[in-house]
Structures are given as C-alpha cells and as structure tokens.
PDB file of N, CA and C in Angstrom:
ATOM      1  N   UNK A   1     181.370 126.178  15.205  1.00  0.00           N
ATOM      2  CA  UNK A   1     181.173 127.591  15.000  1.00  0.00           C
ATOM      3  C   UNK A   1     182.362 128.119  14.203  1.00  0.00           C
ATOM      4  N   UNK A   2     182.075 128.980  13.265  1.00  0.00           N
ATOM      5  CA  UNK A   2     183.115 129.550  12.419  1.00  0.00           C
ATOM      6  C   UNK A   2     183.405 130.995  12.807  1.00  0.00           C
ATOM      7  N   UNK A   3     184.656 131.412  12.630  1.00  0.00           N
ATOM      8  CA  UNK A   3     185.046 132.798  12.833  1.00  0.00           C
ATOM      9  C   UNK A   3     185.032 133.449  11.454  1.00  0.00           C
ATOM     10  N   UNK A   4     184.180 134.441  11.278  1.00  0.00           N
ATOM     11  CA  UNK A   4     183.992 135.060   9.963  1.00  0.00           C
ATOM     12  C   UNK A   4     185.107 136.054   9.636  1.00  0.00           C
ATOM     13  N   UNK A   5     185.573 135.981   8.403  1.00  0.00           N
ATOM     14  CA  UNK A   5     186.575 136.914   7.873  1.00  0.00           C
ATOM     15  C   UNK A   5     187.880 136.937   8.679  1.00  0.00           C
ATOM     16  N   UNK A   6     188.264 135.813   9.254  1.00  0.00           N
ATOM     17  CA  UNK A   6     189.495 135.731  10.050  1.00  0.00           C
ATOM     18  C   UNK A   6     190.246 134.462   9.681  1.00  0.00           C
ATOM     19  N   UNK A   7     191.068 134.539   8.674  1.00  0.00           N
ATOM     20  CA  UNK A   7     191.863 133.391   8.270  1.00  0.00           C
ATOM     21  C   UNK A   7     192.846 133.035   9.385  1.00  0.00           C
ATOM     22  N   UNK A   8     192.921 131.749   9.724  1.00  0.00           N
ATOM     23  CA  UNK A   8     193.855 131.298  10.748  1.00  0.00           C
ATOM     24  C   UNK A   8     193.360 131.454  12.167  1.00  0.00           C
ATOM     25  N   UNK A   9     192.088 131.845  12.340  1.00  0.00           N
ATOM     26  CA  UNK A   9     191.502 131.973  13.678  1.00  0.00           C
ATOM     27  C   UNK A   9     190.392 130.939  13.805  1.00  0.00           C
ATOM     28  N   UNK A  10     190.449 130.157  14.874  1.00  0.00           N
ATOM     29  CA  UNK A  10     189.487 129.084  15.105  1.00  0.00           C
ATOM     30  C   UNK A  10     188.810 129.284  16.456  1.00  0.00           C
ATOM     31  N   UNK A  11     187.496 129.082  16.500  1.00  0.00           N
ATOM     32  CA  UNK A  11     186.751 129.127  17.762  1.00  0.00           C
ATOM     33  C   UNK A  11     186.769 127.713  18.330  1.00  0.00           C
ATOM     34  N   UNK A  12     187.298 127.554  19.533  1.00  0.00           N
ATOM     35  CA  UNK A  12     187.475 126.224  20.116  1.00  0.00           C
ATOM     36  C   UNK A  12     186.933 126.193  21.537  1.00  0.00           C
ATOM     37  N   UNK A  13     186.851 125.007  22.092  1.00  0.00           N
ATOM     38  CA  UNK A  13     186.395 124.789  23.467  1.00  0.00           C
ATOM     39  C   UNK A  13     185.071 125.503  23.728  1.00  0.00           C
ATOM     40  N   UNK A  14     184.155 125.363  22.792  1.00  0.00           N
ATOM     41  CA  UNK A  14     182.858 126.027  22.910  1.00  0.00           C
ATOM     42  C   UNK A  14     182.019 125.408  24.018  1.00  0.00           C
ATOM     43  N   UNK A  15     181.360 126.265  24.774  1.00  0.00           N
ATOM     44  CA  UNK A  15     180.355 125.834  25.748  1.00  0.00           C
ATOM     45  C   UNK A  15     179.116 126.689  25.499  1.00  0.00           C
ATOM     46  N   UNK A  16     178.158 126.660  26.393  1.00  0.00           N
ATOM     47  CA  UNK A  16     176.926 127.415  26.169  1.00  0.00           C
ATOM     48  C   UNK A  16     177.160 128.913  26.030  1.00  0.00           C
ATOM     49  N   UNK A  17     178.107 129.460  26.780  1.00  0.00           N
ATOM     50  CA  UNK A  17     178.293 130.910  26.764  1.00  0.00           C
ATOM     51  C   UNK A  17     179.726 131.358  26.555  1.00  0.00           C
ATOM     52  N   UNK A  18     180.687 130.446  26.520  1.00  0.00           N
ATOM     53  CA  UNK A  18     182.098 130.823  26.449  1.00  0.00           C
ATOM     54  C   UNK A  18     182.839 129.981  25.427  1.00  0.00           C
ATOM     55  N   UNK A  19     184.006 130.458  25.043  1.00  0.00           N
ATOM     56  CA  UNK A  19     184.856 129.712  24.136  1.00  0.00           C
ATOM     57  C   UNK A  19     186.242 130.328  24.095  1.00  0.00           C
ATOM     58  N   UNK A  20     187.088 129.774  23.254  1.00  0.00           N
ATOM     59  CA  UNK A  20     188.473 130.210  23.134  1.00  0.00           C
ATOM     60  C   UNK A  20     188.774 130.435  21.655  1.00  0.00           C
ATOM     61  N   UNK A  21     189.472 131.519  21.338  1.00  0.00           N
ATOM     62  CA  UNK A  21     189.959 131.719  19.975  1.00  0.00           C
ATOM     63  C   UNK A  21     191.373 131.186  19.893  1.00  0.00           C
ATOM     64  N   UNK A  22     191.605 130.270  18.972  1.00  0.00           N
ATOM     65  CA  UNK A  22     192.956 129.762  18.723  1.00  0.00           C
ATOM     66  C   UNK A  22     193.488 130.507  17.515  1.00  0.00           C
ATOM     67  N   UNK A  23     194.647 131.106  17.664  1.00  0.00           N
ATOM     68  CA  UNK A  23     195.262 131.900  16.609  1.00  0.00           C
ATOM     69  C   UNK A  23     196.442 131.119  16.033  1.00  0.00           C
ATOM     70  N   UNK A  24     196.379 130.797  14.757  1.00  0.00           N
ATOM     71  CA  UNK A  24     197.462 130.055  14.097  1.00  0.00           C
ATOM     72  C   UNK A  24     198.693 130.957  13.967  1.00  0.00           C
ATOM     73  N   UNK A  25     199.856 130.331  13.873  1.00  0.00           N
ATOM     74  CA  UNK A  25     201.103 131.080  13.686  1.00  0.00           C
ATOM     75  C   UNK A  25     200.992 131.928  12.424  1.00  0.00           C
ATOM     76  N   UNK A  26     201.304 133.191  12.541  1.00  0.00           N
ATOM     77  CA  UNK A  26     201.259 134.099  11.406  1.00  0.00           C
ATOM     78  C   UNK A  26     199.909 134.735  11.147  1.00  0.00           C
ATOM     79  N   UNK A  27     198.856 134.276  11.841  1.00  0.00           N
ATOM     80  CA  UNK A  27     197.519 134.858  11.660  1.00  0.00           C
ATOM     81  C   UNK A  27     197.389 136.128  12.496  1.00  0.00           C
ATOM     82  N   UNK A  28     196.526 137.017  12.066  1.00  0.00           N
ATOM     83  CA  UNK A  28     196.298 138.276  12.773  1.00  0.00           C
ATOM     84  C   UNK A  28     195.255 138.071  13.866  1.00  0.00           C
ATOM     85  N   UNK A  29     195.643 138.277  15.106  1.00  0.00           N
ATOM     86  CA  UNK A  29     194.729 138.139  16.242  1.00  0.00           C
ATOM     87  C   UNK A  29     193.870 139.404  16.366  1.00  0.00           C
ATOM     88  N   UNK A  30     192.616 139.273  16.793  1.00  0.00           N
ATOM     89  CA  UNK A  30     191.800 140.458  17.030  1.00  0.00           C
ATOM     90  C   UNK A  30     192.393 141.279  18.171  1.00  0.00           C
ATOM     91  N   UNK A  31     192.228 142.590  18.103  1.00  0.00           N
ATOM     92  CA  UNK A  31     192.688 143.468  19.173  1.00  0.00           C
ATOM     93  C   UNK A  31     191.693 143.418  20.334  1.00  0.00           C
ATOM     94  N   UNK A  32     192.145 143.714  21.521  1.00  0.00           N
ATOM     95  CA  UNK A  32     191.285 143.760  22.695  1.00  0.00           C
ATOM     96  C   UNK A  32     190.127 144.723  22.437  1.00  0.00           C
ATOM     97  N   UNK A  33     188.898 144.248  22.612  1.00  0.00           N
ATOM     98  CA  UNK A  33     187.707 145.069  22.408  1.00  0.00           C
ATOM     99  C   UNK A  33     187.182 145.065  20.983  1.00  0.00           C
ATOM    100  N   UNK A  34     187.944 144.507  20.052  1.00  0.00           N
ATOM    101  CA  UNK A  34     187.505 144.452  18.653  1.00  0.00           C
ATOM    102  C   UNK A  34     186.397 143.415  18.503  1.00  0.00           C
ATOM    103  N   UNK A  35     185.369 143.748  17.741  1.00  0.00           N
ATOM    104  CA  UNK A  35     184.273 142.805  17.508  1.00  0.00           C
ATOM    105  C   UNK A  35     184.736 141.691  16.590  1.00  0.00           C
ATOM    106  N   UNK A  36     184.359 140.469  16.927  1.00  0.00           N
ATOM    107  CA  UNK A  36     184.673 139.296  16.134  1.00  0.00           C
ATOM    108  C   UNK A  36     183.364 138.612  15.801  1.00  0.00           C
ATOM    109  N   UNK A  37     183.081 138.434  14.524  1.00  0.00           N
ATOM    110  CA  UNK A  37     181.828 137.824  14.103  1.00  0.00           C
ATOM    111  C   UNK A  37     181.953 136.309  14.079  1.00  0.00           C
ATOM    112  N   UNK A  38     181.012 135.631  14.729  1.00  0.00           N
ATOM    113  CA  UNK A  38     180.979 134.180  14.764  1.00  0.00           C
ATOM    114  C   UNK A  38     179.736 133.701  14.032  1.00  0.00           C
ATOM    115  N   UNK A  39     179.861 132.606  13.309  1.00  0.00           N
ATOM    116  CA  UNK A  39     178.731 131.995  12.609  1.00  0.00           C
ATOM    117  C   UNK A  39     178.379 130.721  13.362  1.00  0.00           C
ATOM    118  N   UNK A  40     177.243 130.718  14.082  1.00  0.00           N
ATOM    119  CA  UNK A  40     176.889 129.545  14.886  1.00  0.00           C
ATOM    120  C   UNK A  40     176.492 128.354  14.021  1.00  0.00           C
ATOM    121  N   UNK A  41     176.771 127.170  14.545  1.00  0.00           N
ATOM    122  CA  UNK A  41     176.403 125.943  13.854  1.00  0.00           C
ATOM    123  C   UNK A  41     175.010 125.462  14.199  1.00  0.00           C
ATOM    124  N   UNK A  42     174.451 125.990  15.289  1.00  0.00           N
ATOM    125  CA  UNK A  42     173.100 125.608  15.710  1.00  0.00           C
ATOM    126  C   UNK A  42     172.576 126.660  16.670  1.00  0.00           C
ATOM    127  N   UNK A  43     171.293 126.584  16.952  1.00  0.00           N
ATOM    128  CA  UNK A  43     170.677 127.498  17.918  1.00  0.00           C
ATOM    129  C   UNK A  43     170.833 126.891  19.300  1.00  0.00           C
ATOM    130  N   UNK A  44     171.494 127.578  20.166  1.00  0.00           N
ATOM    131  CA  UNK A  44     171.769 127.074  21.496  1.00  0.00           C
ATOM    132  C   UNK A  44     170.538 127.197  22.400  1.00  0.00           C
ATOM    133  N   UNK A  45     170.339 126.263  23.331  1.00  0.00           N
ATOM    134  CA  UNK A  45     169.175 126.352  24.214  1.00  0.00           C
ATOM    135  C   UNK A  45     169.187 127.574  25.136  1.00  0.00           C
ATOM    136  N   UNK A  46     170.324 128.256  25.286  1.00  0.00           N
ATOM    137  CA  UNK A  46     170.332 129.444  26.144  1.00  0.00           C
ATOM    138  C   UNK A  46     169.518 130.581  25.535  1.00  0.00           C
ATOM    139  N   UNK A  47     169.120 130.450  24.263  1.00  0.00           N
ATOM    140  CA  UNK A  47     168.286 131.483  23.638  1.00  0.00           C
ATOM    141  C   UNK A  47     166.998 131.673  24.441  1.00  0.00           C
ATOM    142  N   UNK A  48     166.571 130.642  25.138  1.00  0.00           N
ATOM    143  CA  UNK A  48     165.362 130.705  25.959  1.00  0.00           C
ATOM    144  C   UNK A  48     165.494 131.696  27.120  1.00  0.00           C
ATOM    145  N   UNK A  49     166.711 132.149  27.414  1.00  0.00           N
ATOM    146  CA  UNK A  49     166.926 133.077  28.525  1.00  0.00           C
ATOM    147  C   UNK A  49     166.695 134.538  28.144  1.00  0.00           C
ATOM    148  N   UNK A  50     166.450 134.799  26.872  1.00  0.00           N
ATOM    149  CA  UNK A  50     166.351 136.180  26.388  1.00  0.00           C
ATOM    150  C   UNK A  50     165.002 136.454  25.738  1.00  0.00           C
ATOM    151  N   UNK A  51     164.541 137.695  25.833  1.00  0.00           N
ATOM    152  CA  UNK A  51     163.258 138.085  25.258  1.00  0.00           C
ATOM    153  C   UNK A  51     163.353 138.401  23.770  1.00  0.00           C
ATOM    154  N   UNK A  52     164.545 138.772  23.304  1.00  0.00           N
ATOM    155  CA  UNK A  52     164.669 139.176  21.911  1.00  0.00           C
ATOM    156  C   UNK A  52     166.070 138.931  21.371  1.00  0.00           C
ATOM    157  N   UNK A  53     166.147 138.841  20.037  1.00  0.00           N
ATOM    158  CA  UNK A  53     167.396 138.800  19.290  1.00  0.00           C
ATOM    159  C   UNK A  53     167.629 140.175  18.698  1.00  0.00           C
ATOM    160  N   UNK A  54     168.866 140.570  18.564  1.00  0.00           N
ATOM    161  CA  UNK A  54     169.211 141.743  17.769  1.00  0.00           C
ATOM    162  C   UNK A  54     170.007 141.202  16.591  1.00  0.00           C
ATOM    163  N   UNK A  55     169.432 141.290  15.402  1.00  0.00           N
ATOM    164  CA  UNK A  55     170.048 140.726  14.205  1.00  0.00           C
ATOM    165  C   UNK A  55     170.786 141.807  13.428  1.00  0.00           C
ATOM    166  N   UNK A  56     171.902 141.431  12.832  1.00  0.00           N
ATOM    167  CA  UNK A  56     172.702 142.400  12.072  1.00  0.00           C
ATOM    168  C   UNK A  56     173.188 141.781  10.767  1.00  0.00           C
ATOM    169  N   UNK A  57     172.258 141.477   9.842  1.00  0.00           N
ATOM    170  CA  UNK A  57     172.708 140.934   8.560  1.00  0.00           C
ATOM    171  C   UNK A  57     173.510 141.977   7.785  1.00  0.00           C
ATOM    172  N   UNK A  58     174.575 141.533   7.174  1.00  0.00           N
ATOM    173  CA  UNK A  58     175.450 142.413   6.398  1.00  0.00           C
ATOM    174  C   UNK A  58     175.930 143.605   7.216  1.00  0.00           C
ATOM    175  N   UNK A  59     176.031 143.436   8.554  1.00  0.00           N
ATOM    176  CA  UNK A  59     176.576 144.473   9.423  1.00  0.00           C
ATOM    177  C   UNK A  59     175.634 145.595   9.797  1.00  0.00           C
ATOM    178  N   UNK A  60     174.381 145.545   9.359  1.00  0.00           N
ATOM    179  CA  UNK A  60     173.413 146.595   9.678  1.00  0.00           C
ATOM    180  C   UNK A  60     172.418 146.059  10.712  1.00  0.00           C
ATOM    181  N   UNK A  61     172.356 146.707  11.877  1.00  0.00           N
ATOM    182  CA  UNK A  61     171.468 146.256  12.949  1.00  0.00           C
ATOM    183  C   UNK A  61     170.020 146.492  12.554  1.00  0.00           C
ATOM    184  N   UNK A  62     169.203 145.453  12.705  1.00  0.00           N
ATOM    185  CA  UNK A  62     167.776 145.546  12.436  1.00  0.00           C
ATOM    186  C   UNK A  62     167.025 145.707  13.749  1.00  0.00           C
ATOM    187  N   UNK A  63     165.741 145.939  13.655  1.00  0.00           N
ATOM    188  CA  UNK A  63     164.904 146.016  14.852  1.00  0.00           C
ATOM    189  C   UNK A  63     164.971 144.675  15.583  1.00  0.00           C
ATOM    190  N   UNK A  64     164.881 144.704  16.913  1.00  0.00           N
ATOM    191  CA  UNK A  64     164.916 143.445  17.674  1.00  0.00           C
ATOM    192  C   UNK A  64     163.790 142.504  17.241  1.00  0.00           C
ATOM    193  N   UNK A  65     164.072 141.212  17.307  1.00  0.00           N
ATOM    194  CA  UNK A  65     163.064 140.194  16.981  1.00  0.00           C
ATOM    195  C   UNK A  65     162.765 139.403  18.237  1.00  0.00           C
ATOM    196  N   UNK A  66     161.491 139.253  18.529  1.00  0.00           N
ATOM    197  CA  UNK A  66     161.058 138.542  19.727  1.00  0.00           C
ATOM    198  C   UNK A  66     161.410 137.065  19.668  1.00  0.00           C
ATOM    199  N   UNK A  67     161.785 136.500  20.808  1.00  0.00           N
ATOM    200  CA  UNK A  67     161.958 135.054  20.943  1.00  0.00           C
ATOM    201  C   UNK A  67     160.595 134.543  21.370  1.00  0.00           C
ATOM    202  N   UNK A  68     159.807 134.090  20.414  1.00  0.00           N
ATOM    203  CA  UNK A  68     158.404 133.753  20.674  1.00  0.00           C
ATOM    204  C   UNK A  68     158.222 132.534  21.573  1.00  0.00           C
ATOM    205  N   UNK A  69     159.196 131.661  21.635  1.00  0.00           N
ATOM    206  CA  UNK A  69     159.078 130.480  22.491  1.00  0.00           C
ATOM    207  C   UNK A  69     159.672 130.708  23.871  1.00  0.00           C
ATOM    208  N   UNK A  70     159.967 131.949  24.217  1.00  0.00           N
ATOM    209  CA  UNK A  70     160.588 132.283  25.513  1.00  0.00           C
ATOM    210  C   UNK A  70     159.779 131.711  26.654  1.00  0.00           C
ATOM    211  N   UNK A  71     160.419 130.872  27.465  1.00  0.00           N
ATOM    212  CA  UNK A  71     159.776 130.316  28.644  1.00  0.00           C
ATOM    213  C   UNK A  71     158.769 129.215  28.366  1.00  0.00           C
ATOM    214  N   UNK A  72     158.635 128.794  27.111  1.00  0.00           N
ATOM    215  CA  UNK A  72     157.654 127.765  26.759  1.00  0.00           C
ATOM    216  C   UNK A  72     158.039 126.433  27.403  1.00  0.00           C
ATOM    217  N   UNK A  73     157.072 125.792  27.984  1.00  0.00           N
ATOM    218  CA  UNK A  73     157.260 124.476  28.616  1.00  0.00           C
ATOM    219  C   UNK A  73     156.162 123.568  28.131  1.00  0.00           C
ATOM    220  N   UNK A  74     156.531 122.347  27.758  1.00  0.00           N
ATOM    221  CA  UNK A  74     155.523 121.380  27.301  1.00  0.00           C
ATOM    222  C   UNK A  74     155.412 120.260  28.275  1.00  0.00           C
TER     223      UNK A  74
END
C-alpha cells in the first residue's frame, strides 16, 4: 500500500484493518486527525463486511456504490 502525496512516509505492518505509518528522518508527519490518503495494492476480503463503498476520485466524494457481492457464498 502506498501513502499518497507524502514523501518519506511508508505504510507498514499492514493487516486487514490496521497498519503503521513509518516516518523517515526529515519527512513531515501527518498531524493528529489529518486525513492521509492510501492507495491499496489489492481489494481486501473485509470489503464483504460492508454494504457500500464511498469513492472519492480526485478528492470529490461520489454517490455510494453498492458492494454487489456482499454476503455471497458459493
């Protein structure tokens, strides 16, 4: 997973719902409560726990999109 627009900041120790930001020496750390944009490397299976996505391309929130496979079992 990549940290967008944050030189010297790395997302590490990723799990399904948590992770750690590693801040390199001299890099600017996000302030408490500041939004940090992450670019996922894959779609996590926890997406099945939610009814919808809220997408924000280019920083503009769009209408929610349904998770059509929610609860699907084969």
